[in-house]
Amino acid sequence: MNMTTITFLSCRLETVQEKFAETADEFERAKRSARKTKQVFEKIRRERFDKFNQCFEKVSDRIDDIYKVIKNQELFSV
């Protein structure tokens, strides 16, 4: 190999190493962003689930009360 080839390859290696470092940094930033996004999503998901369950329990309790009243009326009307 002559000096020109060695210089070219050295420059090329340096360019590739720089690009690799940039890509690795970008990947790490994307990974952190995805992790934060997932945490936010999971928090919202839990909140929605809890609110749904609260609503469901209230409706279920109310329906149960109404059903009992209706059932008692049927028993006494017979």
PDB file of N, CA and C in Angstrom:
ATOM      1  N   MET A   1       0.843  -1.176   0.000  1.00  0.00           N
ATOM      2  CA  MET A   1       0.000   0.000   0.000  1.00  0.00           C
ATOM      3  C   MET A   1       0.885   1.235   0.000  1.00  0.00           C
ATOM      4  N   ASN A   2       0.444   2.176  -0.791  1.00  0.00           N
ATOM      5  CA  ASN A   2       1.212   3.407  -0.795  1.00  0.00           C
ATOM      6  C   ASN A   2       0.626   4.388   0.230  1.00  0.00           C
ATOM      7  N   MET A   3       1.280   5.488   0.394  1.00  0.00           N
ATOM      8  CA  MET A   3       0.917   6.470   1.406  1.00  0.00           C
ATOM      9  C   MET A   3      -0.462   7.085   1.136  1.00  0.00           C
ATOM     10  N   THR A   4      -0.816   7.271  -0.121  1.00  0.00           N
ATOM     11  CA  THR A   4      -2.110   7.851  -0.479  1.00  0.00           C
ATOM     12  C   THR A   4      -3.242   6.914  -0.064  1.00  0.00           C
ATOM     13  N   THR A   5      -3.082   5.644  -0.302  1.00  0.00           N
ATOM     14  CA  THR A   5      -4.086   4.655   0.070  1.00  0.00           C
ATOM     15  C   THR A   5      -4.242   4.600   1.578  1.00  0.00           C
ATOM     16  N   ILE A   6      -3.147   4.605   2.283  1.00  0.00           N
ATOM     17  CA  ILE A   6      -3.175   4.558   3.748  1.00  0.00           C
ATOM     18  C   ILE A   6      -3.873   5.801   4.296  1.00  0.00           C
ATOM     19  N   THR A   7      -3.567   6.947   3.750  1.00  0.00           N
ATOM     20  CA  THR A   7      -4.192   8.198   4.178  1.00  0.00           C
ATOM     21  C   THR A   7      -5.689   8.159   3.895  1.00  0.00           C
ATOM     22  N   PHE A   8      -6.055   7.693   2.718  1.00  0.00           N
ATOM     23  CA  PHE A   8      -7.468   7.585   2.347  1.00  0.00           C
ATOM     24  C   PHE A   8      -8.208   6.650   3.300  1.00  0.00           C
ATOM     25  N   LEU A   9      -7.621   5.484   3.536  1.00  0.00           N
ATOM     26  CA  LEU A   9      -8.261   4.511   4.415  1.00  0.00           C
ATOM     27  C   LEU A   9      -8.349   5.026   5.845  1.00  0.00           C
ATOM     28  N   SER A  10      -7.343   5.739   6.280  1.00  0.00           N
ATOM     29  CA  SER A  10      -7.348   6.318   7.617  1.00  0.00           C
ATOM     30  C   SER A  10      -8.473   7.345   7.756  1.00  0.00           C
ATOM     31  N   CYS A  11      -8.610   8.188   6.733  1.00  0.00           N
ATOM     32  CA  CYS A  11      -9.689   9.187   6.729  1.00  0.00           C
ATOM     33  C   CYS A  11     -11.047   8.493   6.688  1.00  0.00           C
ATOM     34  N   ARG A  12     -11.131   7.483   5.865  1.00  0.00           N
ATOM     35  CA  ARG A  12     -12.392   6.750   5.740  1.00  0.00           C
ATOM     36  C   ARG A  12     -12.759   6.088   7.062  1.00  0.00           C
ATOM     37  N   LEU A  13     -11.786   5.484   7.730  1.00  0.00           N
ATOM     38  CA  LEU A  13     -12.022   4.850   9.027  1.00  0.00           C
ATOM     39  C   LEU A  13     -12.506   5.884  10.036  1.00  0.00           C
ATOM     40  N   GLU A  14     -11.879   7.025  10.059  1.00  0.00           N
ATOM     41  CA  GLU A  14     -12.268   8.089  10.979  1.00  0.00           C
ATOM     42  C   GLU A  14     -13.703   8.540  10.707  1.00  0.00           C
ATOM     43  N   THR A  15     -14.059   8.677   9.428  1.00  0.00           N
ATOM     44  CA  THR A  15     -15.418   9.073   9.050  1.00  0.00           C
ATOM     45  C   THR A  15     -16.436   8.027   9.512  1.00  0.00           C
ATOM     46  N   VAL A  16     -16.104   6.783   9.314  1.00  0.00           N
ATOM     47  CA  VAL A  16     -17.004   5.694   9.710  1.00  0.00           C
ATOM     48  C   VAL A  16     -17.144   5.658  11.236  1.00  0.00           C
ATOM     49  N   GLN A  17     -16.048   5.858  11.944  1.00  0.00           N
ATOM     50  CA  GLN A  17     -16.108   5.870  13.405  1.00  0.00           C
ATOM     51  C   GLN A  17     -16.960   7.037  13.913  1.00  0.00           C
ATOM     52  N   GLU A  18     -16.838   8.194  13.301  1.00  0.00           N
ATOM     53  CA  GLU A  18     -17.645   9.341  13.681  1.00  0.00           C
ATOM     54  C   GLU A  18     -19.125   9.075  13.426  1.00  0.00           C
ATOM     55  N   LYS A  19     -19.420   8.521  12.274  1.00  0.00           N
ATOM     56  CA  LYS A  19     -20.803   8.192  11.932  1.00  0.00           C
ATOM     57  C   LYS A  19     -21.367   7.162  12.896  1.00  0.00           C
ATOM     58  N   PHE A  20     -20.546   6.187  13.268  1.00  0.00           N
ATOM     59  CA  PHE A  20     -20.982   5.174  14.231  1.00  0.00           C
ATOM     60  C   PHE A  20     -21.292   5.824  15.573  1.00  0.00           C
ATOM     61  N   ALA A  21     -20.438   6.719  16.032  1.00  0.00           N
ATOM     62  CA  ALA A  21     -20.655   7.407  17.306  1.00  0.00           C
ATOM     63  C   ALA A  21     -21.940   8.236  17.263  1.00  0.00           C
ATOM     64  N   GLU A  22     -22.167   8.931  16.158  1.00  0.00           N
ATOM     65  CA  GLU A  22     -23.390   9.727  16.005  1.00  0.00           C
ATOM     66  C   GLU A  22     -24.627   8.823  16.035  1.00  0.00           C
ATOM     67  N   THR A  23     -24.531   7.721  15.326  1.00  0.00           N
ATOM     68  CA  THR A  23     -25.657   6.781  15.265  1.00  0.00           C
ATOM     69  C   THR A  23     -25.919   6.170  16.636  1.00  0.00           C
ATOM     70  N   ALA A  24     -24.863   5.826  17.357  1.00  0.00           N
ATOM     71  CA  ALA A  24     -25.017   5.250  18.693  1.00  0.00           C
ATOM     72  C   ALA A  24     -25.660   6.267  19.633  1.00  0.00           C
ATOM     73  N   ASP A  25     -25.247   7.531  19.556  1.00  0.00           N
ATOM     74  CA  ASP A  25     -25.843   8.585  20.384  1.00  0.00           C
ATOM     75  C   ASP A  25     -27.324   8.769  20.033  1.00  0.00           C
ATOM     76  N   GLU A  26     -27.609   8.788  18.756  1.00  0.00           N
ATOM     77  CA  GLU A  26     -28.988   8.956  18.307  1.00  0.00           C
ATOM     78  C   GLU A  26     -29.853   7.788  18.787  1.00  0.00           C
ATOM     79  N   PHE A  27     -29.309   6.593  18.721  1.00  0.00           N
ATOM     80  CA  PHE A  27     -30.019   5.409  19.189  1.00  0.00           C
ATOM     81  C   PHE A  27     -30.324   5.516  20.679  1.00  0.00           C
ATOM     82  N   GLU A  28     -29.354   5.940  21.471  1.00  0.00           N
ATOM     83  CA  GLU A  28     -29.547   6.087  22.916  1.00  0.00           C
ATOM     84  C   GLU A  28     -30.615   7.136  23.217  1.00  0.00           C
ATOM     85  N   ARG A  29     -30.605   8.243  22.478  1.00  0.00           N
ATOM     86  CA  ARG A  29     -31.627   9.272  22.675  1.00  0.00           C
ATOM     87  C   ARG A  29     -33.010   8.714  22.334  1.00  0.00           C
ATOM     88  N   ALA A  30     -33.089   7.979  21.247  1.00  0.00           N
ATOM     89  CA  ALA A  30     -34.365   7.382  20.837  1.00  0.00           C
ATOM     90  C   ALA A  30     -34.847   6.371  21.876  1.00  0.00           C
ATOM     91  N   LYS A  31     -33.926   5.604  22.430  1.00  0.00           N
ATOM     92  CA  LYS A  31     -34.273   4.610  23.439  1.00  0.00           C
ATOM     93  C   LYS A  31     -34.819   5.301  24.703  1.00  0.00           C
ATOM     94  N   ARG A  32     -34.147   6.374  25.132  1.00  0.00           N
ATOM     95  CA  ARG A  32     -34.622   7.117  26.299  1.00  0.00           C
ATOM     96  C   ARG A  32     -35.998   7.721  26.040  1.00  0.00           C
ATOM     97  N   SER A  33     -36.164   8.264  24.861  1.00  0.00           N
ATOM     98  CA  SER A  33     -37.453   8.859  24.499  1.00  0.00           C
ATOM     99  C   SER A  33     -38.557   7.805  24.496  1.00  0.00           C
ATOM    100  N   ALA A  34     -38.265   6.659  23.941  1.00  0.00           N
ATOM    101  CA  ALA A  34     -39.253   5.567  23.897  1.00  0.00           C
ATOM    102  C   ALA A  34     -39.596   5.106  25.308  1.00  0.00           C
ATOM    103  N   ARG A  35     -38.601   5.032  26.173  1.00  0.00           N
ATOM    104  CA  ARG A  35     -38.832   4.612  27.558  1.00  0.00           C
ATOM    105  C   ARG A  35     -39.748   5.618  28.269  1.00  0.00           C
ATOM    106  N   LYS A  36     -39.463   6.911  28.088  1.00  0.00           N
ATOM    107  CA  LYS A  36     -40.298   7.945  28.710  1.00  0.00           C
ATOM    108  C   LYS A  36     -41.717   7.898  28.164  1.00  0.00           C
ATOM    109  N   THR A  37     -41.833   7.721  26.859  1.00  0.00           N
ATOM    110  CA  THR A  37     -43.149   7.649  26.230  1.00  0.00           C
ATOM    111  C   THR A  37     -43.929   6.456  26.760  1.00  0.00           C
ATOM    112  N   LYS A  38     -43.267   5.336  26.929  1.00  0.00           N
ATOM    113  CA  LYS A  38     -43.932   4.145  27.452  1.00  0.00           C
ATOM    114  C   LYS A  38     -44.389   4.370  28.892  1.00  0.00           C
ATOM    115  N   GLN A  39     -43.567   5.051  29.695  1.00  0.00           N
ATOM    116  CA  GLN A  39     -43.950   5.333  31.072  1.00  0.00           C
ATOM    117  C   GLN A  39     -45.193   6.222  31.125  1.00  0.00           C
ATOM    118  N   VAL A  40     -45.224   7.238  30.271  1.00  0.00           N
ATOM    119  CA  VAL A  40     -46.393   8.123  30.213  1.00  0.00           C
ATOM    120  C   VAL A  40     -47.620   7.321  29.782  1.00  0.00           C
ATOM    121  N   PHE A  41     -47.455   6.497  28.759  1.00  0.00           N
ATOM    122  CA  PHE A  41     -48.565   5.671  28.276  1.00  0.00           C
ATOM    123  C   PHE A  41     -49.089   4.768  29.383  1.00  0.00           C
ATOM    124  N   GLU A  42     -48.194   4.095  30.105  1.00  0.00           N
ATOM    125  CA  GLU A  42     -48.606   3.180  31.171  1.00  0.00           C
ATOM    126  C   GLU A  42     -49.308   3.934  32.297  1.00  0.00           C
ATOM    127  N   LYS A  43     -48.838   5.131  32.613  1.00  0.00           N
ATOM    128  CA  LYS A  43     -49.483   5.938  33.654  1.00  0.00           C
ATOM    129  C   LYS A  43     -50.906   6.290  33.239  1.00  0.00           C
ATOM    130  N   ILE A  44     -51.078   6.744  32.009  1.00  0.00           N
ATOM    131  CA  ILE A  44     -52.407   7.095  31.508  1.00  0.00           C
ATOM    132  C   ILE A  44     -53.290   5.854  31.444  1.00  0.00           C
ATOM    133  N   ARG A  45     -52.713   4.757  31.038  1.00  0.00           N
ATOM    134  CA  ARG A  45     -53.472   3.504  30.954  1.00  0.00           C
ATOM    135  C   ARG A  45     -54.000   3.098  32.329  1.00  0.00           C
ATOM    136  N   ARG A  46     -53.131   3.188  33.357  1.00  0.00           N
ATOM    137  CA  ARG A  46     -53.558   2.849  34.721  1.00  0.00           C
ATOM    138  C   ARG A  46     -54.654   3.794  35.203  1.00  0.00           C
ATOM    139  N   GLU A  47     -54.483   5.091  34.932  1.00  0.00           N
ATOM    140  CA  GLU A  47     -55.483   6.072  35.352  1.00  0.00           C
ATOM    141  C   GLU A  47     -56.834   5.789  34.690  1.00  0.00           C
ATOM    142  N   ARG A  48     -56.812   5.501  33.395  1.00  0.00           N
ATOM    143  CA  ARG A  48     -58.063   5.206  32.685  1.00  0.00           C
ATOM    144  C   ARG A  48     -58.708   3.934  33.232  1.00  0.00           C
ATOM    145  N   PHE A  49     -57.886   2.940  33.510  1.00  0.00           N
ATOM    146  CA  PHE A  49     -58.396   1.686  34.057  1.00  0.00           C
ATOM    147  C   PHE A  49     -59.044   1.927  35.417  1.00  0.00           C
ATOM    148  N   ASP A  50     -58.364   2.688  36.285  1.00  0.00           N
ATOM    149  CA  ASP A  50     -58.898   2.989  37.612  1.00  0.00           C
ATOM    150  C   ASP A  50     -60.206   3.773  37.519  1.00  0.00           C
ATOM    151  N   LYS A  51     -60.243   4.755  36.643  1.00  0.00           N
ATOM    152  CA  LYS A  51     -61.476   5.547  36.488  1.00  0.00           C
ATOM    153  C   LYS A  51     -62.614   4.682  35.943  1.00  0.00           C
ATOM    154  N   PHE A  52     -62.302   3.823  34.989  1.00  0.00           N
ATOM    155  CA  PHE A  52     -63.329   2.928  34.458  1.00  0.00           C
ATOM    156  C   PHE A  52     -63.867   2.028  35.567  1.00  0.00           C
ATOM    157  N   ASN A  53     -62.957   1.462  36.360  1.00  0.00           N
ATOM    158  CA  ASN A  53     -63.400   0.569  37.433  1.00  0.00           C
ATOM    159  C   ASN A  53     -64.240   1.304  38.472  1.00  0.00           C
ATOM    160  N   GLN A  54     -63.871   2.528  38.803  1.00  0.00           N
ATOM    161  CA  GLN A  54     -64.674   3.312  39.748  1.00  0.00           C
ATOM    162  C   GLN A  54     -66.083   3.510  39.198  1.00  0.00           C
ATOM    163  N   CYS A  55     -66.157   3.899  37.942  1.00  0.00           N
ATOM    164  CA  CYS A  55     -67.461   4.104  37.301  1.00  0.00           C
ATOM    165  C   CYS A  55     -68.239   2.792  37.249  1.00  0.00           C
ATOM    166  N   PHE A  56     -67.578   1.734  36.850  1.00  0.00           N
ATOM    167  CA  PHE A  56     -68.239   0.433  36.741  1.00  0.00           C
ATOM    168  C   PHE A  56     -68.797  -0.008  38.088  1.00  0.00           C
ATOM    169  N   GLU A  57     -68.019   0.157  39.151  1.00  0.00           N
ATOM    170  CA  GLU A  57     -68.470  -0.242  40.482  1.00  0.00           C
ATOM    171  C   GLU A  57     -69.692   0.555  40.915  1.00  0.00           C
ATOM    172  N   LYS A  58     -69.699   1.865  40.652  1.00  0.00           N
ATOM    173  CA  LYS A  58     -70.854   2.695  41.010  1.00  0.00           C
ATOM    174  C   LYS A  58     -72.095   2.248  40.248  1.00  0.00           C
ATOM    175  N   VAL A  59     -71.938   2.028  38.966  1.00  0.00           N
ATOM    176  CA  VAL A  59     -73.073   1.575  38.151  1.00  0.00           C
ATOM    177  C   VAL A  59     -73.534   0.201  38.611  1.00  0.00           C
ATOM    178  N   SER A  60     -72.611  -0.681  38.859  1.00  0.00           N
ATOM    179  CA  SER A  60     -72.948  -2.033  39.297  1.00  0.00           C
ATOM    180  C   SER A  60     -73.686  -2.001  40.635  1.00  0.00           C
ATOM    181  N   ASP A  61     -73.198  -1.205  41.566  1.00  0.00           N
ATOM    182  CA  ASP A  61     -73.863  -1.086  42.865  1.00  0.00           C
ATOM    183  C   ASP A  61     -75.274  -0.526  42.709  1.00  0.00           C
ATOM    184  N   ARG A  62     -75.405   0.465  41.868  1.00  0.00           N
ATOM    185  CA  ARG A  62     -76.726   1.086  41.646  1.00  0.00           C
ATOM    186  C   ARG A  62     -77.682   0.089  40.990  1.00  0.00           C
ATOM    187  N   ILE A  63     -77.209  -0.631  40.006  1.00  0.00           N
ATOM    188  CA  ILE A  63     -78.047  -1.646  39.352  1.00  0.00           C
ATOM    189  C   ILE A  63     -78.450  -2.717  40.354  1.00  0.00           C
ATOM    190  N   ASP A  64     -77.518  -3.111  41.204  1.00  0.00           N
ATOM    191  CA  ASP A  64     -77.817  -4.117  42.225  1.00  0.00           C
ATOM    192  C   ASP A  64     -78.919  -3.624  43.158  1.00  0.00           C
ATOM    193  N   ASP A  65     -78.815  -2.365  43.586  1.00  0.00           N
ATOM    194  CA  ASP A  65     -79.843  -1.784  44.453  1.00  0.00           C
ATOM    195  C   ASP A  65     -81.211  -1.784  43.755  1.00  0.00           C
ATOM    196  N   ILE A  66     -81.236  -1.365  42.515  1.00  0.00           N
ATOM    197  CA  ILE A  66     -82.487  -1.322  41.752  1.00  0.00           C
ATOM    198  C   ILE A  66     -83.062  -2.723  41.580  1.00  0.00           C
ATOM    199  N   TYR A  67     -82.211  -3.674  41.273  1.00  0.00           N
ATOM    200  CA  TYR A  67     -82.653  -5.063  41.103  1.00  0.00           C
ATOM    201  C   TYR A  67     -83.275  -5.588  42.393  1.00  0.00           C
ATOM    202  N   LYS A  68     -82.665  -5.269  43.529  1.00  0.00           N
ATOM    203  CA  LYS A  68     -83.192  -5.725  44.819  1.00  0.00           C
ATOM    204  C   LYS A  68     -84.567  -5.120  45.097  1.00  0.00           C
ATOM    205  N   VAL A  69     -84.723  -3.857  44.782  1.00  0.00           N
ATOM    206  CA  VAL A  69     -86.019  -3.208  44.980  1.00  0.00           C
ATOM    207  C   VAL A  69     -87.074  -3.876  44.102  1.00  0.00           C
ATOM    208  N   ILE A  70     -86.751  -4.093  42.859  1.00  0.00           N
ATOM    209  CA  ILE A  70     -87.687  -4.739  41.934  1.00  0.00           C
ATOM    210  C   ILE A  70     -88.022  -6.146  42.414  1.00  0.00           C
ATOM    211  N   LYS A  71     -87.029  -6.866  42.841  1.00  0.00           N
ATOM    212  CA  LYS A  71     -87.237  -8.243  43.300  1.00  0.00           C
ATOM    213  C   LYS A  71     -88.140  -8.261  44.532  1.00  0.00           C
ATOM    214  N   ASN A  72     -87.899  -7.332  45.442  1.00  0.00           N
ATOM    215  CA  ASN A  72     -88.737  -7.264  46.646  1.00  0.00           C
ATOM    216  C   ASN A  72     -90.173  -6.913  46.280  1.00  0.00           C
ATOM    217  N   GLN A  73     -90.366  -6.032  45.349  1.00  0.00           N
ATOM    218  CA  GLN A  73     -91.719  -5.663  44.917  1.00  0.00           C
ATOM    219  C   GLN A  73     -92.425  -6.867  44.304  1.00  0.00           C
ATOM    220  N   GLU A  74     -91.708  -7.647  43.559  1.00  0.00           N
ATOM    221  CA  GLU A  74     -92.299  -8.838  42.953  1.00  0.00           C
ATOM    222  C   GLU A  74     -92.696  -9.863  44.012  1.00  0.00           C
ATOM    223  N   LEU A  75     -91.833 -10.006  45.031  1.00  0.00           N
ATOM    224  CA  LEU A  75     -92.125 -10.967  46.095  1.00  0.00           C
ATOM    225  C   LEU A  75     -93.370 -10.559  46.881  1.00  0.00           C
ATOM    226  N   PHE A  76     -93.512  -9.272  47.150  1.00  0.00           N
ATOM    227  CA  PHE A  76     -94.651  -8.800  47.939  1.00  0.00           C
ATOM    228  C   PHE A  76     -95.932  -8.708  47.140  1.00  0.00           C
ATOM    229  N   SER A  77     -95.831  -8.635  45.834  1.00  0.00           N
ATOM    230  CA  SER A  77     -97.026  -8.533  45.023  1.00  0.00           C
ATOM    231  C   SER A  77     -97.661  -9.889  44.738  1.00  0.00           C
ATOM    232  N   VAL A  78     -96.940 -10.930  44.998  1.00  0.00           N
ATOM    233  CA  VAL A  78     -97.432 -12.276  44.711  1.00  0.00           C
ATOM    234  C   VAL A  78     -98.371 -12.743  45.753  1.00  0.00           C
TER     235      VAL A  78
END
